[in-house]
Amino acid sequence: MNASFERFETFARGAVEQAKIRKRLLLGLLALLVLQLYFVRELIAAELLFGLGFVVLLTLGGIFYFVGAIGERSFNLIETGIRAGAPVARRAYSKVEELSKKPFRHPRSESAQ
């Protein structure tokens, strides 16, 4: 392990000492650094977009859940109201039916003769 490190070190020192190689090496490292920064920025932007999408889906899911829960609760309240109002409606219907069987005018009135 030590021998390979020493070979790499001598290669690096020789490359740094030569002006052309040093310039190309610095340009390559700079390009690599810029590409890494660009890649990281793109990943952050993609993660923010995915996060925004998940927030929208979570909001829509919450809205649908609450609308469903409110609808379920309203069905229970309507059922309770119908159970309370059904006897009243039956009595009213029987009164209307009773009134419909009676004549509107008295048989001995002027308009009936």
C-alpha atoms as a PDB file:
ATOM      1  CA  MET A   1       0.000   0.000   0.000  1.00  0.00           C
ATOM      2  CA  ASN A   2       2.832   2.355   0.894  1.00  0.00           C
ATOM      3  CA  ALA A   3       4.687   1.625  -2.361  1.00  0.00           C
ATOM      4  CA  SER A   4       1.700   2.463  -4.531  1.00  0.00           C
ATOM      5  CA  PHE A   5       1.181   5.697  -2.613  1.00  0.00           C
ATOM      6  CA  GLU A   6       4.838   6.644  -3.161  1.00  0.00           C
ATOM      7  CA  ARG A   7       4.542   5.945  -6.901  1.00  0.00           C
ATOM      8  CA  PHE A   8       1.422   8.128  -7.074  1.00  0.00           C
ATOM      9  CA  GLU A   9       3.177  10.875  -5.135  1.00  0.00           C
ATOM     10  CA  THR A  10       6.171  10.925  -7.483  1.00  0.00           C
ATOM     11  CA  PHE A  11       3.824  10.969 -10.499  1.00  0.00           C
ATOM     12  CA  ALA A  12       1.851  13.861  -9.023  1.00  0.00           C
ATOM     13  CA  ARG A  13       4.967  15.881  -8.224  1.00  0.00           C
ATOM     14  CA  GLY A  14       6.316  15.321 -11.715  1.00  0.00           C
ATOM     15  CA  ALA A  15       2.992  16.394 -13.228  1.00  0.00           C
ATOM     16  CA  VAL A  16       2.824  19.513 -11.101  1.00  0.00           C
ATOM     17  CA  GLU A  17       6.369  20.496 -12.037  1.00  0.00           C
ATOM     18  CA  GLN A  18       5.637  20.511 -15.744  1.00  0.00           C
ATOM     19  CA  ALA A  19       3.759  23.677 -16.707  1.00  0.00           C
ATOM     20  CA  LYS A  20       1.512  22.238 -19.442  1.00  0.00           C
ATOM     21  CA  ILE A  21       0.447  19.252 -17.425  1.00  0.00           C
ATOM     22  CA  ARG A  22      -0.076  21.419 -14.373  1.00  0.00           C
ATOM     23  CA  LYS A  23      -2.305  23.774 -16.337  1.00  0.00           C
ATOM     24  CA  ARG A  24      -4.328  20.908 -17.824  1.00  0.00           C
ATOM     25  CA  LEU A  25      -4.585  19.208 -14.450  1.00  0.00           C
ATOM     26  CA  LEU A  26      -5.929  22.380 -12.834  1.00  0.00           C
ATOM     27  CA  LEU A  27      -8.411  22.903 -15.704  1.00  0.00           C
ATOM     28  CA  GLY A  28      -9.554  19.295 -15.376  1.00  0.00           C
ATOM     29  CA  LEU A  29     -10.006  19.606 -11.616  1.00  0.00           C
ATOM     30  CA  LEU A  30     -11.836  22.894 -12.084  1.00  0.00           C
ATOM     31  CA  ALA A  31     -14.137  21.329 -14.710  1.00  0.00           C
ATOM     32  CA  LEU A  32     -14.787  18.394 -12.393  1.00  0.00           C
ATOM     33  CA  LEU A  33     -15.579  20.771  -9.539  1.00  0.00           C
ATOM     34  CA  VAL A  34     -17.946  22.842 -11.707  1.00  0.00           C
ATOM     35  CA  LEU A  35     -19.701  19.716 -12.965  1.00  0.00           C
ATOM     36  CA  GLN A  36     -20.077  18.441  -9.402  1.00  0.00           C
ATOM     37  CA  LEU A  37     -21.565  21.751  -8.284  1.00  0.00           C
ATOM     38  CA  TYR A  38     -23.950  21.753 -11.271  1.00  0.00           C
ATOM     39  CA  PHE A  39     -24.972  18.167 -10.564  1.00  0.00           C
ATOM     40  CA  VAL A  40     -25.614  18.937  -6.907  1.00  0.00           C
ATOM     41  CA  ARG A  41     -27.684  21.997  -7.843  1.00  0.00           C
ATOM     42  CA  GLU A  42     -29.730  19.899 -10.272  1.00  0.00           C
ATOM     43  CA  LEU A  43     -30.310  17.258  -7.599  1.00  0.00           C
ATOM     44  CA  ILE A  44     -31.441  19.883  -5.115  1.00  0.00           C
ATOM     45  CA  ALA A  45     -33.793  21.411  -7.689  1.00  0.00           C
ATOM     46  CA  ALA A  46     -35.232  17.994  -8.545  1.00  0.00           C
ATOM     47  CA  GLU A  47     -35.731  17.193  -4.873  1.00  0.00           C
ATOM     48  CA  LEU A  48     -37.530  20.493  -4.321  1.00  0.00           C
ATOM     49  CA  LEU A  49     -39.812  19.778  -7.294  1.00  0.00           C
ATOM     50  CA  PHE A  50     -40.594  16.292  -5.997  1.00  0.00           C
ATOM     51  CA  GLY A  51     -41.255  17.742  -2.554  1.00  0.00           C
ATOM     52  CA  LEU A  52     -43.611  20.314  -4.043  1.00  0.00           C
ATOM     53  CA  GLY A  53     -45.421  17.556  -5.945  1.00  0.00           C
ATOM     54  CA  PHE A  54     -45.820  15.499  -2.787  1.00  0.00           C
ATOM     55  CA  VAL A  55     -47.146  18.540  -0.918  1.00  0.00           C
ATOM     56  CA  VAL A  56     -49.749  19.059  -3.659  1.00  0.00           C
ATOM     57  CA  LEU A  57     -50.757  15.380  -3.514  1.00  0.00           C
ATOM     58  CA  LEU A  58     -50.916  15.469   0.278  1.00  0.00           C
ATOM     59  CA  THR A  59     -53.103  18.582   0.162  1.00  0.00           C
ATOM     60  CA  LEU A  60     -55.460  17.022  -2.388  1.00  0.00           C
ATOM     61  CA  GLY A  61     -55.654  13.822  -0.359  1.00  0.00           C
ATOM     62  CA  GLY A  62     -56.453  15.799   2.786  1.00  0.00           C
ATOM     63  CA  ILE A  63     -59.164  17.761   1.006  1.00  0.00           C
ATOM     64  CA  PHE A  64     -60.744  14.577  -0.357  1.00  0.00           C
ATOM     65  CA  TYR A  65     -60.566  12.950   3.065  1.00  0.00           C
ATOM     66  CA  PHE A  66     -62.242  15.897   4.784  1.00  0.00           C
ATOM     67  CA  VAL A  67     -64.953  16.155   2.140  1.00  0.00           C
ATOM     68  CA  GLY A  68     -65.656  12.429   2.553  1.00  0.00           C
ATOM     69  CA  ALA A  69     -65.738  12.710   6.330  1.00  0.00           C
ATOM     70  CA  ILE A  70     -68.084  15.695   6.181  1.00  0.00           C
ATOM     71  CA  GLY A  71     -70.318  13.836   3.719  1.00  0.00           C
ATOM     72  CA  GLU A  72     -70.434  10.797   5.987  1.00  0.00           C
ATOM     73  CA  ARG A  73     -71.294  12.950   8.980  1.00  0.00           C
ATOM     74  CA  SER A  74     -74.007  14.757   7.033  1.00  0.00           C
ATOM     75  CA  PHE A  75     -75.588  11.421   6.047  1.00  0.00           C
ATOM     76  CA  ASN A  76     -75.775  10.505   9.734  1.00  0.00           C
ATOM     77  CA  LEU A  77     -77.347  13.858  10.581  1.00  0.00           C
ATOM     78  CA  ILE A  78     -79.842  13.573   7.716  1.00  0.00           C
ATOM     79  CA  GLU A  79     -80.799  10.081   8.852  1.00  0.00           C
ATOM     80  CA  THR A  80     -81.403  11.389  12.368  1.00  0.00           C
ATOM     81  CA  GLY A  81     -83.515  14.226  11.005  1.00  0.00           C
ATOM     82  CA  ILE A  82     -85.552  11.857   8.845  1.00  0.00           C
ATOM     83  CA  ARG A  83     -86.169   9.540  11.780  1.00  0.00           C
ATOM     84  CA  ALA A  84     -87.400  12.477  13.842  1.00  0.00           C
ATOM     85  CA  GLY A  85     -89.463  13.974  11.029  1.00  0.00           C
ATOM     86  CA  ALA A  86     -91.033  10.787   9.643  1.00  0.00           C
ATOM     87  CA  PRO A  87     -93.889  10.562  12.193  1.00  0.00           C
ATOM     88  CA  VAL A  88     -94.738  14.209  11.616  1.00  0.00           C
ATOM     89  CA  ALA A  89     -94.764  13.647   7.850  1.00  0.00           C
ATOM     90  CA  ARG A  90     -96.990  10.583   8.229  1.00  0.00           C
ATOM     91  CA  ARG A  91     -99.490  12.526  10.353  1.00  0.00           C
ATOM     92  CA  ALA A  92     -99.476  15.403   7.879  1.00  0.00           C
ATOM     93  CA  TYR A  93    -100.006  13.013   4.965  1.00  0.00           C
ATOM     94  CA  SER A  94    -102.949  11.343   6.704  1.00  0.00           C
ATOM     95  CA  LYS A  95    -104.497  14.776   7.441  1.00  0.00           C
ATOM     96  CA  VAL A  96    -104.095  15.794   3.789  1.00  0.00           C
ATOM     97  CA  GLU A  97    -105.591  12.505   2.679  1.00  0.00           C
ATOM     98  CA  GLU A  98    -108.505  12.973   5.071  1.00  0.00           C
ATOM     99  CA  LEU A  99    -109.101  16.509   3.817  1.00  0.00           C
ATOM    100  CA  SER A 100    -108.987  15.398   0.186  1.00  0.00           C
ATOM    101  CA  LYS A 101    -111.856  12.941   0.789  1.00  0.00           C
ATOM    102  CA  LYS A 102    -114.131  15.688   2.140  1.00  0.00           C
ATOM    103  CA  PRO A 103    -116.038  17.812  -0.355  1.00  0.00           C
ATOM    104  CA  PHE A 104    -114.975  21.432  -0.680  1.00  0.00           C
ATOM    105  CA  ARG A 105    -118.535  22.756  -0.576  1.00  0.00           C
ATOM    106  CA  HIS A 106    -121.434  21.849   1.592  1.00  0.00           C
ATOM    107  CA  PRO A 107    -124.027  19.871  -0.392  1.00  0.00           C
ATOM    108  CA  ARG A 108    -126.795  22.422   0.349  1.00  0.00           C
ATOM    109  CA  SER A 109    -124.803  25.508  -0.611  1.00  0.00           C
ATOM    110  CA  GLU A 110    -125.917  27.734  -3.520  1.00  0.00           C
ATOM    111  CA  SER A 111    -123.054  26.832  -5.834  1.00  0.00           C
ATOM    112  CA  ALA A 112    -123.546  23.102  -5.312  1.00  0.00           C
ATOM    113  CA  GLN A 113    -127.261  23.259  -6.447  1.00  0.00           C
END
